């Protein structure tokens, strides 16, 4: 990988980590079970994307 590509992957890892963390914190605070379940799905999606990016390395 080129240096530019590695910078892109590093940036993407940061974004996915941020989204995963925000989703987790938000789902824990929500009182509506339907909305909380949806945000947990988002957390799972971002966890999967994070793992895919990590596998590139």
PDB file of N, CA and C in Angstrom:
ATOM      1  N   UNK A   1       0.834  -1.185   0.000  1.00  0.00           N
ATOM      2  CA  UNK A   1       0.000   0.000   0.000  1.00  0.00           C
ATOM      3  C   UNK A   1       0.877   1.246   0.000  1.00  0.00           C
ATOM      4  N   UNK A   2       0.380   2.249  -0.662  1.00  0.00           N
ATOM      5  CA  UNK A   2       1.112   3.507  -0.671  1.00  0.00           C
ATOM      6  C   UNK A   2       0.862   4.258   0.638  1.00  0.00           C
ATOM      7  N   UNK A   3       1.653   5.271   0.867  1.00  0.00           N
ATOM      8  CA  UNK A   3       1.504   6.082   2.073  1.00  0.00           C
ATOM      9  C   UNK A   3       0.124   6.742   2.107  1.00  0.00           C
ATOM     10  N   UNK A   4      -0.338   7.207   0.947  1.00  0.00           N
ATOM     11  CA  UNK A   4      -1.650   7.853   0.865  1.00  0.00           C
ATOM     12  C   UNK A   4      -2.762   6.861   1.221  1.00  0.00           C
ATOM     13  N   UNK A   5      -2.647   5.640   0.736  1.00  0.00           N
ATOM     14  CA  UNK A   5      -3.645   4.616   1.041  1.00  0.00           C
ATOM     15  C   UNK A   5      -3.644   4.275   2.531  1.00  0.00           C
ATOM     16  N   UNK A   6      -2.467   4.209   3.121  1.00  0.00           N
ATOM     17  CA  UNK A   6      -2.381   3.929   4.556  1.00  0.00           C
ATOM     18  C   UNK A   6      -3.000   5.062   5.381  1.00  0.00           C
ATOM     19  N   UNK A   7      -2.818   6.293   4.934  1.00  0.00           N
ATOM     20  CA  UNK A   7      -3.448   7.421   5.619  1.00  0.00           C
ATOM     21  C   UNK A   7      -4.967   7.333   5.524  1.00  0.00           C
ATOM     22  N   UNK A   8      -5.473   6.896   4.378  1.00  0.00           N
ATOM     23  CA  UNK A   8      -6.912   6.721   4.213  1.00  0.00           C
ATOM     24  C   UNK A   8      -7.434   5.656   5.167  1.00  0.00           C
ATOM     25  N   UNK A   9      -6.739   4.541   5.253  1.00  0.00           N
ATOM     26  CA  UNK A   9      -7.160   3.457   6.139  1.00  0.00           C
ATOM     27  C   UNK A   9      -7.121   3.918   7.597  1.00  0.00           C
ATOM     28  N   UNK A  10      -6.083   4.654   7.964  1.00  0.00           N
ATOM     29  CA  UNK A  10      -5.980   5.175   9.331  1.00  0.00           C
ATOM     30  C   UNK A  10      -7.151   6.119   9.641  1.00  0.00           C
ATOM     31  N   UNK A  11      -7.482   6.971   8.692  1.00  0.00           N
ATOM     32  CA  UNK A  11      -8.603   7.888   8.863  1.00  0.00           C
ATOM     33  C   UNK A  11      -9.921   7.126   8.985  1.00  0.00           C
ATOM     34  N   UNK A  12     -10.099   6.133   8.153  1.00  0.00           N
ATOM     35  CA  UNK A  12     -11.322   5.325   8.196  1.00  0.00           C
ATOM     36  C   UNK A  12     -11.432   4.572   9.525  1.00  0.00           C
ATOM     37  N   UNK A  13     -10.312   4.068  10.028  1.00  0.00           N
ATOM     38  CA  UNK A  13     -10.321   3.391  11.328  1.00  0.00           C
ATOM     39  C   UNK A  13     -10.762   4.346  12.432  1.00  0.00           C
ATOM     40  N   UNK A  14     -10.266   5.564  12.371  1.00  0.00           N
ATOM     41  CA  UNK A  14     -10.654   6.559  13.364  1.00  0.00           C
ATOM     42  C   UNK A  14     -12.137   6.879  13.308  1.00  0.00           C
ATOM     43  N   UNK A  15     -12.665   7.024  12.106  1.00  0.00           N
ATOM     44  CA  UNK A  15     -14.087   7.325  11.950  1.00  0.00           C
ATOM     45  C   UNK A  15     -14.960   6.173  12.442  1.00  0.00           C
ATOM     46  N   UNK A  16     -14.601   4.957  12.082  1.00  0.00           N
ATOM     47  CA  UNK A  16     -15.409   3.811  12.494  1.00  0.00           C
ATOM     48  C   UNK A  16     -15.328   3.581  14.003  1.00  0.00           C
ATOM     49  N   UNK A  17     -14.164   3.808  14.588  1.00  0.00           N
ATOM     50  CA  UNK A  17     -14.030   3.694  16.038  1.00  0.00           C
ATOM     51  C   UNK A  17     -14.913   4.723  16.730  1.00  0.00           C
ATOM     52  N   UNK A  18     -14.907   5.948  16.204  1.00  0.00           N
ATOM     53  CA  UNK A  18     -15.738   7.017  16.759  1.00  0.00           C
ATOM     54  C   UNK A  18     -17.223   6.661  16.654  1.00  0.00           C
ATOM     55  N   UNK A  19     -17.652   6.190  15.494  1.00  0.00           N
ATOM     56  CA  UNK A  19     -19.067   5.849  15.295  1.00  0.00           C
ATOM     57  C   UNK A  19     -19.481   4.676  16.186  1.00  0.00           C
ATOM     58  N   UNK A  20     -18.606   3.698  16.332  1.00  0.00           N
ATOM     59  CA  UNK A  20     -18.894   2.550  17.199  1.00  0.00           C
ATOM     60  C   UNK A  20     -19.065   3.016  18.647  1.00  0.00           C
ATOM     61  N   UNK A  21     -18.150   3.862  19.110  1.00  0.00           N
ATOM     62  CA  UNK A  21     -18.205   4.363  20.485  1.00  0.00           C
ATOM     63  C   UNK A  21     -19.454   5.199  20.714  1.00  0.00           C
ATOM     64  N   UNK A  22     -19.754   6.094  19.774  1.00  0.00           N
ATOM     65  CA  UNK A  22     -20.946   6.945  19.915  1.00  0.00           C
ATOM     66  C   UNK A  22     -22.217   6.119  19.917  1.00  0.00           C
ATOM     67  N   UNK A  23     -22.286   5.130  19.048  1.00  0.00           N
ATOM     68  CA  UNK A  23     -23.474   4.273  18.980  1.00  0.00           C
ATOM     69  C   UNK A  23     -23.668   3.511  20.284  1.00  0.00           C
ATOM     70  N   UNK A  24     -22.587   3.001  20.829  1.00  0.00           N
ATOM     71  CA  UNK A  24     -22.686   2.239  22.071  1.00  0.00           C
ATOM     72  C   UNK A  24     -23.164   3.130  23.218  1.00  0.00           C
ATOM     73  N   UNK A  25     -22.557   4.294  23.355  1.00  0.00           N
ATOM     74  CA  UNK A  25     -22.939   5.210  24.432  1.00  0.00           C
ATOM     75  C   UNK A  25     -24.392   5.651  24.277  1.00  0.00           C
ATOM     76  N   UNK A  26     -24.797   5.931  23.055  1.00  0.00           N
ATOM     77  CA  UNK A  26     -26.159   6.389  22.814  1.00  0.00           C
ATOM     78  C   UNK A  26     -27.173   5.296  23.107  1.00  0.00           C
ATOM     79  N   UNK A  27     -26.905   4.064  22.672  1.00  0.00           N
ATOM     80  CA  UNK A  27     -27.860   2.974  22.903  1.00  0.00           C
ATOM     81  C   UNK A  27     -28.039   2.691  24.393  1.00  0.00           C
ATOM     82  N   UNK A  28     -26.986   2.919  25.177  1.00  0.00           N
ATOM     83  CA  UNK A  28     -27.085   2.709  26.624  1.00  0.00           C
ATOM     84  C   UNK A  28     -27.940   3.776  27.304  1.00  0.00           C
ATOM     85  N   UNK A  29     -27.994   4.973  26.715  1.00  0.00           N
ATOM     86  CA  UNK A  29     -28.727   6.081  27.318  1.00  0.00           C
ATOM     87  C   UNK A  29     -30.195   6.126  26.902  1.00  0.00           C
ATOM     88  N   UNK A  30     -30.530   5.505  25.783  1.00  0.00           N
ATOM     89  CA  UNK A  30     -31.893   5.592  25.272  1.00  0.00           C
ATOM     90  C   UNK A  30     -32.860   4.773  26.121  1.00  0.00           C
ATOM     91  N   UNK A  31     -34.050   5.308  26.307  1.00  0.00           N
ATOM     92  CA  UNK A  31     -35.077   4.591  27.073  1.00  0.00           C
ATOM     93  C   UNK A  31     -36.083   3.896  26.164  1.00  0.00           C
ATOM     94  N   UNK A  32     -36.205   4.357  24.924  1.00  0.00           N
ATOM     95  CA  UNK A  32     -37.104   3.720  23.963  1.00  0.00           C
ATOM     96  C   UNK A  32     -36.455   2.430  23.459  1.00  0.00           C
ATOM     97  N   UNK A  33     -37.069   1.267  23.730  1.00  0.00           N
ATOM     98  CA  UNK A  33     -36.437   0.000  23.351  1.00  0.00           C
ATOM     99  C   UNK A  33     -36.260  -0.175  21.841  1.00  0.00           C
ATOM    100  N   UNK A  34     -37.190   0.326  21.055  1.00  0.00           N
ATOM    101  CA  UNK A  34     -37.079   0.198  19.602  1.00  0.00           C
ATOM    102  C   UNK A  34     -35.919   1.023  19.068  1.00  0.00           C
ATOM    103  N   UNK A  35     -35.824   2.241  19.526  1.00  0.00           N
ATOM    104  CA  UNK A  35     -34.737   3.120  19.092  1.00  0.00           C
ATOM    105  C   UNK A  35     -33.390   2.601  19.588  1.00  0.00           C
ATOM    106  N   UNK A  36     -33.357   2.104  20.802  1.00  0.00           N
ATOM    107  CA  UNK A  36     -32.127   1.544  21.353  1.00  0.00           C
ATOM    108  C   UNK A  36     -31.665   0.335  20.539  1.00  0.00           C
ATOM    109  N   UNK A  37     -32.614  -0.508  20.143  1.00  0.00           N
ATOM    110  CA  UNK A  37     -32.268  -1.687  19.333  1.00  0.00           C
ATOM    111  C   UNK A  37     -31.704  -1.267  17.982  1.00  0.00           C
ATOM    112  N   UNK A  38     -32.287  -0.217  17.393  1.00  0.00           N
ATOM    113  CA  UNK A  38     -31.789   0.274  16.108  1.00  0.00           C
ATOM    114  C   UNK A  38     -30.359   0.802  16.232  1.00  0.00           C
ATOM    115  N   UNK A  39     -30.106   1.546  17.287  1.00  0.00           N
ATOM    116  CA  UNK A  39     -28.761   2.107  17.479  1.00  0.00           C
ATOM    117  C   UNK A  39     -27.764   0.978  17.762  1.00  0.00           C
ATOM    118  N   UNK A  40     -28.209  -0.079  18.425  1.00  0.00           N
ATOM    119  CA  UNK A  40     -27.328  -1.241  18.633  1.00  0.00           C
ATOM    120  C   UNK A  40     -26.997  -1.916  17.304  1.00  0.00           C
ATOM    121  N   UNK A  41     -27.954  -1.925  16.378  1.00  0.00           N
ATOM    122  CA  UNK A  41     -27.680  -2.449  15.033  1.00  0.00           C
ATOM    123  C   UNK A  41     -26.615  -1.598  14.342  1.00  0.00           C
ATOM    124  N   UNK A  42     -26.719  -0.286  14.517  1.00  0.00           N
ATOM    125  CA  UNK A  42     -25.700   0.605  13.947  1.00  0.00           C
ATOM    126  C   UNK A  42     -24.335   0.326  14.555  1.00  0.00           C
ATOM    127  N   UNK A  43     -24.316   0.076  15.851  1.00  0.00           N
ATOM    128  CA  UNK A  43     -23.047  -0.251  16.514  1.00  0.00           C
ATOM    129  C   UNK A  43     -22.447  -1.515  15.909  1.00  0.00           C
ATOM    130  N   UNK A  44     -23.291  -2.526  15.687  1.00  0.00           N
ATOM    131  CA  UNK A  44     -22.810  -3.781  15.098  1.00  0.00           C
ATOM    132  C   UNK A  44     -22.292  -3.544  13.677  1.00  0.00           C
ATOM    133  N   UNK A  45     -22.976  -2.692  12.926  1.00  0.00           N
ATOM    134  CA  UNK A  45     -22.544  -2.389  11.564  1.00  0.00           C
ATOM    135  C   UNK A  45     -21.169  -1.723  11.572  1.00  0.00           C
ATOM    136  N   UNK A  46     -20.989  -0.759  12.451  1.00  0.00           N
ATOM    137  CA  UNK A  46     -19.706  -0.052  12.506  1.00  0.00           C
ATOM    138  C   UNK A  46     -18.596  -0.946  13.067  1.00  0.00           C
ATOM    139  N   UNK A  47     -18.947  -1.862  13.945  1.00  0.00           N
ATOM    140  CA  UNK A  47     -17.958  -2.834  14.432  1.00  0.00           C
ATOM    141  C   UNK A  47     -17.494  -3.710  13.276  1.00  0.00           C
ATOM    142  N   UNK A  48     -18.439  -4.135  12.446  1.00  0.00           N
ATOM    143  CA  UNK A  48     -18.084  -4.946  11.279  1.00  0.00           C
ATOM    144  C   UNK A  48     -17.198  -4.189  10.301  1.00  0.00           C
ATOM    145  N   UNK A  49     -17.532  -2.935  10.054  1.00  0.00           N
ATOM    146  CA  UNK A  49     -16.712  -2.127   9.150  1.00  0.00           C
ATOM    147  C   UNK A  49     -15.317  -1.903   9.726  1.00  0.00           C
ATOM    148  N   UNK A  50     -15.248  -1.677  11.025  1.00  0.00           N
ATOM    149  CA  UNK A  50     -13.952  -1.497  11.680  1.00  0.00           C
ATOM    150  C   UNK A  50     -13.098  -2.757  11.513  1.00  0.00           C
ATOM    151  N   UNK A  51     -13.703  -3.911  11.721  1.00  0.00           N
ATOM    152  CA  UNK A  51     -12.971  -5.171  11.570  1.00  0.00           C
ATOM    153  C   UNK A  51     -12.495  -5.382  10.136  1.00  0.00           C
ATOM    154  N   UNK A  52     -13.321  -4.984   9.160  1.00  0.00           N
ATOM    155  CA  UNK A  52     -12.905  -5.109   7.752  1.00  0.00           C
ATOM    156  C   UNK A  52     -11.686  -4.240   7.469  1.00  0.00           C
ATOM    157  N   UNK A  53     -11.700  -3.011   7.993  1.00  0.00           N
ATOM    158  CA  UNK A  53     -10.541  -2.141   7.786  1.00  0.00           C
ATOM    159  C   UNK A  53      -9.303  -2.701   8.479  1.00  0.00           C
ATOM    160  N   UNK A  54      -9.481  -3.249   9.677  1.00  0.00           N
ATOM    161  CA  UNK A  54      -8.336  -3.826  10.392  1.00  0.00           C
ATOM    162  C   UNK A  54      -7.759  -5.017   9.637  1.00  0.00           C
ATOM    163  N   UNK A  55      -8.606  -5.760   8.964  1.00  0.00           N
ATOM    164  CA  UNK A  55      -8.134  -6.908   8.192  1.00  0.00           C
ATOM    165  C   UNK A  55      -7.313  -6.492   6.981  1.00  0.00           C
ATOM    166  N   UNK A  56      -7.472  -5.240   6.544  1.00  0.00           N
ATOM    167  CA  UNK A  56      -6.644  -4.753   5.435  1.00  0.00           C
ATOM    168  C   UNK A  56      -5.177  -4.641   5.839  1.00  0.00           C
ATOM    169  N   UNK A  57      -4.966  -4.456   7.141  1.00  0.00           N
ATOM    170  CA  UNK A  57      -3.607  -4.281   7.627  1.00  0.00           C
ATOM    171  C   UNK A  57      -3.030  -5.635   7.895  1.00  0.00           C
TER     172      UNK A  57
END
